[in-house]
C-alpha atoms as a PDB file:
ATOM      1  CA  UNK A   1      44.270   4.575   9.777  1.00  0.00           C
ATOM      2  CA  UNK A   2      43.778   4.945   6.133  1.00  0.00           C
ATOM      3  CA  UNK A   3      45.880   3.442   3.406  1.00  0.00           C
ATOM      4  CA  UNK A   4      46.953   5.632   0.607  1.00  0.00           C
ATOM      5  CA  UNK A   5      48.983   8.577  -0.578  1.00  0.00           C
ATOM      6  CA  UNK A   6      51.145  11.334   0.744  1.00  0.00           C
ATOM      7  CA  UNK A   7      52.403  11.741   4.291  1.00  0.00           C
ATOM      8  CA  UNK A   8      49.345  10.488   6.007  1.00  0.00           C
ATOM      9  CA  UNK A   9      47.406   7.728   7.516  1.00  0.00           C
ATOM     10  CA  UNK A  10      47.413   5.627   4.416  1.00  0.00           C
ATOM     11  CA  UNK A  11      50.883   6.151   3.140  1.00  0.00           C
ATOM     12  CA  UNK A  12      53.848   6.728   5.386  1.00  0.00           C
ATOM     13  CA  UNK A  13      56.184   9.513   4.400  1.00  0.00           C
ATOM     14  CA  UNK A  14      59.571  10.715   5.540  1.00  0.00           C
ATOM     15  CA  UNK A  15      60.407  10.823   9.222  1.00  0.00           C
ATOM     16  CA  UNK A  16      60.388  13.927  11.371  1.00  0.00           C
ATOM     17  CA  UNK A  17      61.473  14.851  14.877  1.00  0.00           C
ATOM     18  CA  UNK A  18      58.780  17.429  15.577  1.00  0.00           C
ATOM     19  CA  UNK A  19      56.577  16.315  18.478  1.00  0.00           C
ATOM     20  CA  UNK A  20      52.907  15.809  17.625  1.00  0.00           C
ATOM     21  CA  UNK A  21      50.275  17.799  19.500  1.00  0.00           C
ATOM     22  CA  UNK A  22      48.182  16.235  22.233  1.00  0.00           C
ATOM     23  CA  UNK A  23      44.613  16.947  23.245  1.00  0.00           C
ATOM     24  CA  UNK A  24      45.886  18.259  26.599  1.00  0.00           C
ATOM     25  CA  UNK A  25      48.266  20.679  24.903  1.00  0.00           C
ATOM     26  CA  UNK A  26      45.516  21.871  22.552  1.00  0.00           C
ATOM     27  CA  UNK A  27      43.167  22.347  25.497  1.00  0.00           C
ATOM     28  CA  UNK A  28      45.761  24.317  27.475  1.00  0.00           C
ATOM     29  CA  UNK A  29      46.476  26.515  24.445  1.00  0.00           C
ATOM     30  CA  UNK A  30      42.777  27.235  23.931  1.00  0.00           C
ATOM     31  CA  UNK A  31      42.250  28.033  27.622  1.00  0.00           C
ATOM     32  CA  UNK A  32      45.160  30.480  27.690  1.00  0.00           C
ATOM     33  CA  UNK A  33      44.007  32.146  24.487  1.00  0.00           C
ATOM     34  CA  UNK A  34      40.481  32.579  25.862  1.00  0.00           C
ATOM     35  CA  UNK A  35      41.761  33.873  29.198  1.00  0.00           C
ATOM     36  CA  UNK A  36      43.816  36.541  27.434  1.00  0.00           C
ATOM     37  CA  UNK A  37      40.864  37.580  25.284  1.00  0.00           C
ATOM     38  CA  UNK A  38      38.514  37.650  28.281  1.00  0.00           C
ATOM     39  CA  UNK A  39      41.008  39.907  30.053  1.00  0.00           C
ATOM     40  CA  UNK A  40      40.865  42.292  27.098  1.00  0.00           C
ATOM     41  CA  UNK A  41      44.579  41.966  26.415  1.00  0.00           C
ATOM     42  CA  UNK A  42      46.390  41.742  23.100  1.00  0.00           C
ATOM     43  CA  UNK A  43      49.457  39.554  22.689  1.00  0.00           C
ATOM     44  CA  UNK A  44      51.556  42.727  22.708  1.00  0.00           C
ATOM     45  CA  UNK A  45      49.949  43.740  26.013  1.00  0.00           C
ATOM     46  CA  UNK A  46      50.767  40.375  27.560  1.00  0.00           C
ATOM     47  CA  UNK A  47      54.335  40.456  26.272  1.00  0.00           C
ATOM     48  CA  UNK A  48      54.848  43.869  27.853  1.00  0.00           C
ATOM     49  CA  UNK A  49      53.105  42.864  31.104  1.00  0.00           C
ATOM     50  CA  UNK A  50      54.870  39.534  31.628  1.00  0.00           C
ATOM     51  CA  UNK A  51      58.092  39.700  29.648  1.00  0.00           C
ATOM     52  CA  UNK A  52      57.054  36.607  27.685  1.00  0.00           C
ATOM     53  CA  UNK A  53      58.307  36.912  24.121  1.00  0.00           C
ATOM     54  CA  UNK A  54      55.425  37.508  21.688  1.00  0.00           C
ATOM     55  CA  UNK A  55      56.651  34.699  19.408  1.00  0.00           C
ATOM     56  CA  UNK A  56      56.659  32.335  22.379  1.00  0.00           C
ATOM     57  CA  UNK A  57      53.168  33.489  23.325  1.00  0.00           C
ATOM     58  CA  UNK A  58      51.941  32.833  19.787  1.00  0.00           C
ATOM     59  CA  UNK A  59      53.422  29.325  19.842  1.00  0.00           C
ATOM     60  CA  UNK A  60      51.844  28.609  23.227  1.00  0.00           C
ATOM     61  CA  UNK A  61      48.402  29.787  22.107  1.00  0.00           C
ATOM     62  CA  UNK A  62      48.548  27.691  18.933  1.00  0.00           C
ATOM     63  CA  UNK A  63      49.689  24.499  20.743  1.00  0.00           C
ATOM     64  CA  UNK A  64      53.036  24.510  18.959  1.00  0.00           C
ATOM     65  CA  UNK A  65      54.940  24.449  22.236  1.00  0.00           C
ATOM     66  CA  UNK A  66      54.297  23.617  25.868  1.00  0.00           C
ATOM     67  CA  UNK A  67      54.720  26.596  28.220  1.00  0.00           C
ATOM     68  CA  UNK A  68      57.374  26.270  30.891  1.00  0.00           C
ATOM     69  CA  UNK A  69      55.964  26.339  34.408  1.00  0.00           C
ATOM     70  CA  UNK A  70      57.337  29.806  35.176  1.00  0.00           C
ATOM     71  CA  UNK A  71      55.830  31.116  31.924  1.00  0.00           C
ATOM     72  CA  UNK A  72      52.448  29.609  32.748  1.00  0.00           C
ATOM     73  CA  UNK A  73      52.538  31.141  36.233  1.00  0.00           C
ATOM     74  CA  UNK A  74      53.327  34.561  34.754  1.00  0.00           C
ATOM     75  CA  UNK A  75      50.423  34.266  32.304  1.00  0.00           C
ATOM     76  CA  UNK A  76      47.955  33.115  34.968  1.00  0.00           C
ATOM     77  CA  UNK A  77      49.029  35.999  37.215  1.00  0.00           C
ATOM     78  CA  UNK A  78      48.499  38.441  34.335  1.00  0.00           C
ATOM     79  CA  UNK A  79      45.019  37.034  33.692  1.00  0.00           C
ATOM     80  CA  UNK A  80      44.069  36.991  37.381  1.00  0.00           C
ATOM     81  CA  UNK A  81      43.443  33.236  37.466  1.00  0.00           C
ATOM     82  CA  UNK A  82      43.271  31.747  40.953  1.00  0.00           C
ATOM     83  CA  UNK A  83      41.762  28.846  42.863  1.00  0.00           C
ATOM     84  CA  UNK A  84      40.692  25.576  41.291  1.00  0.00           C
ATOM     85  CA  UNK A  85      40.922  26.837  37.711  1.00  0.00           C
ATOM     86  CA  UNK A  86      44.547  27.799  38.250  1.00  0.00           C
ATOM     87  CA  UNK A  87      45.264  24.377  39.757  1.00  0.00           C
ATOM     88  CA  UNK A  88      43.549  22.641  36.817  1.00  0.00           C
ATOM     89  CA  UNK A  89      45.594  24.560  34.256  1.00  0.00           C
ATOM     90  CA  UNK A  90      48.844  23.846  36.070  1.00  0.00           C
ATOM     91  CA  UNK A  91      47.943  20.138  36.137  1.00  0.00           C
ATOM     92  CA  UNK A  92      47.178  20.335  32.427  1.00  0.00           C
ATOM     93  CA  UNK A  93      50.620  21.833  31.802  1.00  0.00           C
ATOM     94  CA  UNK A  94      52.223  18.927  33.657  1.00  0.00           C
ATOM     95  CA  UNK A  95      50.346  16.352  31.552  1.00  0.00           C
ATOM     96  CA  UNK A  96      50.515  18.217  28.229  1.00  0.00           C
ATOM     97  CA  UNK A  97      53.011  15.904  26.555  1.00  0.00           C
ATOM     98  CA  UNK A  98      51.522  12.556  27.564  1.00  0.00           C
ATOM     99  CA  UNK A  99      50.937  10.698  24.311  1.00  0.00           C
ATOM    100  CA  UNK A 100      50.022   7.116  25.196  1.00  0.00           C
ATOM    101  CA  UNK A 101      51.665   4.148  23.482  1.00  0.00           C
ATOM    102  CA  UNK A 102      53.272   6.249  20.754  1.00  0.00           C
ATOM    103  CA  UNK A 103      55.595   7.852  23.294  1.00  0.00           C
ATOM    104  CA  UNK A 104      57.554   4.630  23.708  1.00  0.00           C
ATOM    105  CA  UNK A 105      57.034   3.211  20.223  1.00  0.00           C
ATOM    106  CA  UNK A 106      60.430   2.497  18.699  1.00  0.00           C
ATOM    107  CA  UNK A 107      59.753   3.552  15.117  1.00  0.00           C
ATOM    108  CA  UNK A 108      60.718   6.200  12.609  1.00  0.00           C
ATOM    109  CA  UNK A 109      57.237   7.451  11.803  1.00  0.00           C
ATOM    110  CA  UNK A 110      56.524  10.585   9.758  1.00  0.00           C
ATOM    111  CA  UNK A 111      55.362  13.630  11.626  1.00  0.00           C
ATOM    112  CA  UNK A 112      51.774  13.841  10.361  1.00  0.00           C
ATOM    113  CA  UNK A 113      51.311  10.125  10.932  1.00  0.00           C
ATOM    114  CA  UNK A 114      52.454  10.360  14.543  1.00  0.00           C
ATOM    115  CA  UNK A 115      50.230  13.402  15.064  1.00  0.00           C
ATOM    116  CA  UNK A 116      47.224  11.423  13.848  1.00  0.00           C
ATOM    117  CA  UNK A 117      48.118   8.435  16.055  1.00  0.00           C
ATOM    118  CA  UNK A 118      48.594  10.673  19.076  1.00  0.00           C
ATOM    119  CA  UNK A 119      45.279  12.482  18.657  1.00  0.00           C
ATOM    120  CA  UNK A 120      43.440   9.273  17.793  1.00  0.00           C
ATOM    121  CA  UNK A 121      44.708   7.665  21.013  1.00  0.00           C
ATOM    122  CA  UNK A 122      43.041  10.422  23.022  1.00  0.00           C
ATOM    123  CA  UNK A 123      39.807  10.538  21.019  1.00  0.00           C
ATOM    124  CA  UNK A 124      36.503   9.179  22.251  1.00  0.00           C
ATOM    125  CA  UNK A 125      35.077   8.576  18.786  1.00  0.00           C
ATOM    126  CA  UNK A 126      36.413   8.402  15.234  1.00  0.00           C
ATOM    127  CA  UNK A 127      34.335   8.707  12.075  1.00  0.00           C
ATOM    128  CA  UNK A 128      36.433   7.416   9.189  1.00  0.00           C
ATOM    129  CA  UNK A 129      35.269   7.734   5.585  1.00  0.00           C
ATOM    130  CA  UNK A 130      37.312   5.863   2.979  1.00  0.00           C
ATOM    131  CA  UNK A 131      36.825   5.828  -0.781  1.00  0.00           C
ATOM    132  CA  UNK A 132      39.509   3.314  -1.820  1.00  0.00           C
ATOM    133  CA  UNK A 133      40.786   1.530   1.278  1.00  0.00           C
ATOM    134  CA  UNK A 134      39.494  -0.486   4.193  1.00  0.00           C
ATOM    135  CA  UNK A 135      39.846   1.834   7.225  1.00  0.00           C
ATOM    136  CA  UNK A 136      43.193   1.287   8.954  1.00  0.00           C
ATOM    137  CA  UNK A 137      41.689   0.381  12.310  1.00  0.00           C
ATOM    138  CA  UNK A 138      39.820  -2.478  10.618  1.00  0.00           C
ATOM    139  CA  UNK A 139      42.615  -3.828   8.429  1.00  0.00           C
ATOM    140  CA  UNK A 140      44.146  -7.257   8.795  1.00  0.00           C
ATOM    141  CA  UNK A 141      47.915  -7.467   8.982  1.00  0.00           C
ATOM    142  CA  UNK A 142      48.197  -9.052   5.524  1.00  0.00           C
ATOM    143  CA  UNK A 143      45.932  -6.417   3.937  1.00  0.00           C
ATOM    144  CA  UNK A 144      47.900  -3.597   5.601  1.00  0.00           C
ATOM    145  CA  UNK A 145      51.185  -5.075   4.389  1.00  0.00           C
ATOM    146  CA  UNK A 146      49.876  -5.429   0.822  1.00  0.00           C
ATOM    147  CA  UNK A 147      48.536  -1.882   0.813  1.00  0.00           C
ATOM    148  CA  UNK A 148      51.778  -0.348   2.069  1.00  0.00           C
ATOM    149  CA  UNK A 149      53.832  -2.343  -0.405  1.00  0.00           C
ATOM    150  CA  UNK A 150      51.509  -1.324  -3.228  1.00  0.00           C
ATOM    151  CA  UNK A 151      51.488   2.366  -2.355  1.00  0.00           C
ATOM    152  CA  UNK A 152      55.215   2.498  -1.599  1.00  0.00           C
ATOM    153  CA  UNK A 153      56.747   0.159  -4.202  1.00  0.00           C
ATOM    154  CA  UNK A 154      60.301   1.377  -3.546  1.00  0.00           C
ATOM    155  CA  UNK A 155      60.154   1.126   0.268  1.00  0.00           C
ATOM    156  CA  UNK A 156      62.593  -1.204   1.997  1.00  0.00           C
ATOM    157  CA  UNK A 157      61.094  -4.261   3.662  1.00  0.00           C
ATOM    158  CA  UNK A 158      62.070  -2.965   7.122  1.00  0.00           C
ATOM    159  CA  UNK A 159      60.199   0.277   6.472  1.00  0.00           C
ATOM    160  CA  UNK A 160      57.107  -1.600   5.340  1.00  0.00           C
ATOM    161  CA  UNK A 161      57.163  -3.811   8.444  1.00  0.00           C
ATOM    162  CA  UNK A 162      57.671  -0.764  10.658  1.00  0.00           C
ATOM    163  CA  UNK A 163      54.434   0.753   9.433  1.00  0.00           C
ATOM    164  CA  UNK A 164      52.560  -2.536   9.569  1.00  0.00           C
ATOM    165  CA  UNK A 165      53.564  -2.892  13.226  1.00  0.00           C
ATOM    166  CA  UNK A 166      52.427   0.646  14.019  1.00  0.00           C
ATOM    167  CA  UNK A 167      49.099   0.065  12.280  1.00  0.00           C
ATOM    168  CA  UNK A 168      48.435  -3.143  14.187  1.00  0.00           C
ATOM    169  CA  UNK A 169      49.336  -1.529  17.507  1.00  0.00           C
ATOM    170  CA  UNK A 170      46.884   1.285  16.811  1.00  0.00           C
ATOM    171  CA  UNK A 171      44.087  -1.246  16.750  1.00  0.00           C
ATOM    172  CA  UNK A 172      44.513  -1.794  20.495  1.00  0.00           C
ATOM    173  CA  UNK A 173      42.296   1.301  20.835  1.00  0.00           C
ATOM    174  CA  UNK A 174      39.384  -0.953  19.907  1.00  0.00           C
ATOM    175  CA  UNK A 175      40.294  -3.461  22.627  1.00  0.00           C
ATOM    176  CA  UNK A 176      40.543  -1.122  25.621  1.00  0.00           C
ATOM    177  CA  UNK A 177      38.221  -1.375  28.585  1.00  0.00           C
ATOM    178  CA  UNK A 178      36.674   1.843  27.295  1.00  0.00           C
ATOM    179  CA  UNK A 179      37.309   1.380  23.585  1.00  0.00           C
ATOM    180  CA  UNK A 180      37.362   3.987  20.873  1.00  0.00           C
ATOM    181  CA  UNK A 181      33.939   4.204  19.215  1.00  0.00           C
ATOM    182  CA  UNK A 182      34.520   3.769  15.514  1.00  0.00           C
ATOM    183  CA  UNK A 183      32.062   4.617  12.755  1.00  0.00           C
ATOM    184  CA  UNK A 184      33.567   3.393   9.487  1.00  0.00           C
ATOM    185  CA  UNK A 185      31.970   4.424   6.212  1.00  0.00           C
ATOM    186  CA  UNK A 186      33.455   3.299   2.918  1.00  0.00           C
ATOM    187  CA  UNK A 187      32.645   3.356  -0.736  1.00  0.00           C
ATOM    188  CA  UNK A 188      31.930  -0.036  -2.295  1.00  0.00           C
ATOM    189  CA  UNK A 189      35.063   0.477  -4.395  1.00  0.00           C
ATOM    190  CA  UNK A 190      37.146  -0.144  -1.263  1.00  0.00           C
ATOM    191  CA  UNK A 191      35.666  -3.628  -1.018  1.00  0.00           C
ATOM    192  CA  UNK A 192      35.891  -4.526  -4.701  1.00  0.00           C
ATOM    193  CA  UNK A 193      39.575  -3.814  -5.341  1.00  0.00           C
ATOM    194  CA  UNK A 194      41.646  -6.942  -4.769  1.00  0.00           C
ATOM    195  CA  UNK A 195      44.550  -6.014  -2.508  1.00  0.00           C
ATOM    196  CA  UNK A 196      47.267  -8.630  -2.100  1.00  0.00           C
ATOM    197  CA  UNK A 197      45.385 -11.701  -3.315  1.00  0.00           C
ATOM    198  CA  UNK A 198      41.997 -13.376  -3.190  1.00  0.00           C
ATOM    199  CA  UNK A 199      42.999 -15.030   0.075  1.00  0.00           C
ATOM    200  CA  UNK A 200      44.035 -11.712   1.623  1.00  0.00           C
ATOM    201  CA  UNK A 201      40.743 -10.110   0.565  1.00  0.00           C
ATOM    202  CA  UNK A 202      38.671 -13.045   1.778  1.00  0.00           C
ATOM    203  CA  UNK A 203      40.280 -12.834   5.220  1.00  0.00           C
ATOM    204  CA  UNK A 204      39.951  -9.044   5.225  1.00  0.00           C
ATOM    205  CA  UNK A 205      36.241  -9.124   4.401  1.00  0.00           C
ATOM    206  CA  UNK A 206      35.651 -11.826   7.020  1.00  0.00           C
ATOM    207  CA  UNK A 207      37.471  -9.673   9.581  1.00  0.00           C
ATOM    208  CA  UNK A 208      35.350  -6.678   8.592  1.00  0.00           C
ATOM    209  CA  UNK A 209      32.156  -8.673   9.173  1.00  0.00           C
ATOM    210  CA  UNK A 210      33.395  -9.821  12.586  1.00  0.00           C
ATOM    211  CA  UNK A 211      34.383  -6.323  13.673  1.00  0.00           C
ATOM    212  CA  UNK A 212      31.052  -4.894  12.529  1.00  0.00           C
ATOM    213  CA  UNK A 213      29.281  -7.087  15.101  1.00  0.00           C
ATOM    214  CA  UNK A 214      30.993  -5.352  18.021  1.00  0.00           C
ATOM    215  CA  UNK A 215      28.865  -2.797  19.903  1.00  0.00           C
ATOM    216  CA  UNK A 216      31.400   0.055  19.627  1.00  0.00           C
ATOM    217  CA  UNK A 217      32.008  -0.397  15.894  1.00  0.00           C
ATOM    218  CA  UNK A 218      29.586   0.609  13.138  1.00  0.00           C
ATOM    219  CA  UNK A 219      30.347  -0.229   9.513  1.00  0.00           C
ATOM    220  CA  UNK A 220      28.425   1.165   6.545  1.00  0.00           C
ATOM    221  CA  UNK A 221      29.084   0.880   2.820  1.00  0.00           C
ATOM    222  CA  UNK A 222      27.948   3.338   0.166  1.00  0.00           C
ATOM    223  CA  UNK A 223      26.887   1.121  -2.764  1.00  0.00           C
ATOM    224  CA  UNK A 224      27.683   1.900  -6.381  1.00  0.00           C
ATOM    225  CA  UNK A 225      23.950   2.387  -6.901  1.00  0.00           C
ATOM    226  CA  UNK A 226      24.053   5.524  -4.718  1.00  0.00           C
ATOM    227  CA  UNK A 227      25.754   7.368  -7.574  1.00  0.00           C
ATOM    228  CA  UNK A 228      27.740  10.545  -6.926  1.00  0.00           C
ATOM    229  CA  UNK A 229      28.089  11.528  -3.276  1.00  0.00           C
ATOM    230  CA  UNK A 230      29.950  14.065  -1.059  1.00  0.00           C
ATOM    231  CA  UNK A 231      32.671  11.567  -0.139  1.00  0.00           C
ATOM    232  CA  UNK A 232      33.988  11.168  -3.668  1.00  0.00           C
ATOM    233  CA  UNK A 233      36.552  14.034  -3.442  1.00  0.00           C
ATOM    234  CA  UNK A 234      38.548  12.064  -0.864  1.00  0.00           C
ATOM    235  CA  UNK A 235      38.863  10.291   2.453  1.00  0.00           C
ATOM    236  CA  UNK A 236      38.904  11.884   5.904  1.00  0.00           C
ATOM    237  CA  UNK A 237      38.722  11.153   9.619  1.00  0.00           C
ATOM    238  CA  UNK A 238      36.722  13.120  12.193  1.00  0.00           C
ATOM    239  CA  UNK A 239      38.151  12.732  15.702  1.00  0.00           C
ATOM    240  CA  UNK A 240      35.872  13.575  18.610  1.00  0.00           C
ATOM    241  CA  UNK A 241      37.183  14.065  22.143  1.00  0.00           C
ATOM    242  CA  UNK A 242      35.785  14.009  25.682  1.00  0.00           C
ATOM    243  CA  UNK A 243      35.418  17.051  27.936  1.00  0.00           C
ATOM    244  CA  UNK A 244      33.975  19.183  25.119  1.00  0.00           C
ATOM    245  CA  UNK A 245      37.336  19.462  23.369  1.00  0.00           C
ATOM    246  CA  UNK A 246      36.813  20.512  19.734  1.00  0.00           C
ATOM    247  CA  UNK A 247      36.813  17.963  16.942  1.00  0.00           C
ATOM    248  CA  UNK A 248      39.795  17.575  14.639  1.00  0.00           C
ATOM    249  CA  UNK A 249      39.471  16.674  10.958  1.00  0.00           C
ATOM    250  CA  UNK A 250      42.311  14.768   9.320  1.00  0.00           C
ATOM    251  CA  UNK A 251      42.586  14.800   5.524  1.00  0.00           C
ATOM    252  CA  UNK A 252      45.092  12.735   3.572  1.00  0.00           C
ATOM    253  CA  UNK A 253      45.928  13.467  -0.061  1.00  0.00           C
ATOM    254  CA  UNK A 254      48.719  13.246  -2.615  1.00  0.00           C
ATOM    255  CA  UNK A 255      49.378  16.935  -1.993  1.00  0.00           C
ATOM    256  CA  UNK A 256      50.030  16.313   1.694  1.00  0.00           C
ATOM    257  CA  UNK A 257      48.180  15.836   4.963  1.00  0.00           C
ATOM    258  CA  UNK A 258      46.098  18.405   6.753  1.00  0.00           C
ATOM    259  CA  UNK A 259      44.592  18.800  10.220  1.00  0.00           C
ATOM    260  CA  UNK A 260      41.533  21.056  10.236  1.00  0.00           C
ATOM    261  CA  UNK A 261      40.373  22.720  13.447  1.00  0.00           C
ATOM    262  CA  UNK A 262      38.394  25.726  12.214  1.00  0.00           C
ATOM    263  CA  UNK A 263      34.849  25.594  13.582  1.00  0.00           C
ATOM    264  CA  UNK A 264      33.085  26.222  10.256  1.00  0.00           C
ATOM    265  CA  UNK A 265      35.138  23.534   8.499  1.00  0.00           C
ATOM    266  CA  UNK A 266      34.506  21.053  11.304  1.00  0.00           C
ATOM    267  CA  UNK A 267      30.769  21.651  10.981  1.00  0.00           C
ATOM    268  CA  UNK A 268      30.961  21.140   7.219  1.00  0.00           C
ATOM    269  CA  UNK A 269      32.663  17.764   7.614  1.00  0.00           C
ATOM    270  CA  UNK A 270      30.225  16.696  10.301  1.00  0.00           C
ATOM    271  CA  UNK A 271      27.390  17.594   7.912  1.00  0.00           C
ATOM    272  CA  UNK A 272      29.060  15.492   5.210  1.00  0.00           C
ATOM    273  CA  UNK A 273      29.259  12.586   7.657  1.00  0.00           C
ATOM    274  CA  UNK A 274      25.522  12.798   8.293  1.00  0.00           C
ATOM    275  CA  UNK A 275      24.838  12.797   4.557  1.00  0.00           C
ATOM    276  CA  UNK A 276      27.110   9.799   3.972  1.00  0.00           C
ATOM    277  CA  UNK A 277      25.460   7.883   6.805  1.00  0.00           C
ATOM    278  CA  UNK A 278      22.062   8.587   5.282  1.00  0.00           C
ATOM    279  CA  UNK A 279      22.888   7.343   1.776  1.00  0.00           C
ATOM    280  CA  UNK A 280      24.952   4.341   2.903  1.00  0.00           C
ATOM    281  CA  UNK A 281      23.454   0.915   3.391  1.00  0.00           C
ATOM    282  CA  UNK A 282      22.290   0.102   6.901  1.00  0.00           C
ATOM    283  CA  UNK A 283      24.779  -1.856   9.040  1.00  0.00           C
ATOM    284  CA  UNK A 284      22.754  -5.030   8.482  1.00  0.00           C
ATOM    285  CA  UNK A 285      22.597  -4.582   4.702  1.00  0.00           C
ATOM    286  CA  UNK A 286      26.278  -3.642   4.720  1.00  0.00           C
ATOM    287  CA  UNK A 287      27.183  -6.944   6.360  1.00  0.00           C
ATOM    288  CA  UNK A 288      25.124  -8.804   3.755  1.00  0.00           C
ATOM    289  CA  UNK A 289      26.912  -6.985   0.917  1.00  0.00           C
ATOM    290  CA  UNK A 290      30.345  -7.687   2.388  1.00  0.00           C
ATOM    291  CA  UNK A 291      29.442 -11.362   2.760  1.00  0.00           C
ATOM    292  CA  UNK A 292      28.354 -11.565  -0.879  1.00  0.00           C
ATOM    293  CA  UNK A 293      31.552  -9.858  -2.075  1.00  0.00           C
ATOM    294  CA  UNK A 294      33.605 -12.258   0.016  1.00  0.00           C
ATOM    295  CA  UNK A 295      32.212 -15.103  -2.050  1.00  0.00           C
ATOM    296  CA  UNK A 296      33.814 -13.572  -5.138  1.00  0.00           C
ATOM    297  CA  UNK A 297      37.208 -14.351  -3.617  1.00  0.00           C
END
């Protein structure tokens, strides 16, 4: 996760009880929306045909709520869905709220933060660009603690430790039998700012070098010499999922956090990723730069 402002990955915000979406719930919502459209029915038509409230239908199709089984059956009947596809969608409804380790994590985490964790846990690949921070999945515990304390100077110690624990547990995604594939791109500024102390930064940069050697992790740095680049407006994460599920873009800013799922916006961020990869140092040259900066500490 990222370390910075607002309600997001980098800076924890206030807690919330709203359940985060899951990939399964998003997939079910998209399938039901497409089935209705393929049947040539409006939401009003479906409400009249099935008795499902139009507000409920809207919330189901936008993944804001999980349909009850009887509601799903009514919708599938209205759309004429039978056989294996019907069975698959009913199985999807049963699994729609499975959220991995977060489901049992005893912590008061803000809503957007838990949403990011939940989606990240189901992703196959994450592309994380950071302008000022070491990416959260590659942070050491001491660096994460120093960042959270620095960004939230009035936070109680228990709150700081709560977020440090969550951040460290997230990193288990990189240790799974089928680990998350992480492509971390960061501006050189993220490496040059001393966070915590020289000792904290030395350990953090050493950890970054070690992680960059792993086959499922790619680390690239955009050097100061690259000049202005498309990543300067701010950090973001692109989450990519299996089974052709659409990407999700997560943006964190002082104004608040945002999940982007519109196809044209997703393509724009993927294009930005390609540009950043092209202007960044190669992984080998990145490791050499990190090693040289480590010596400064």
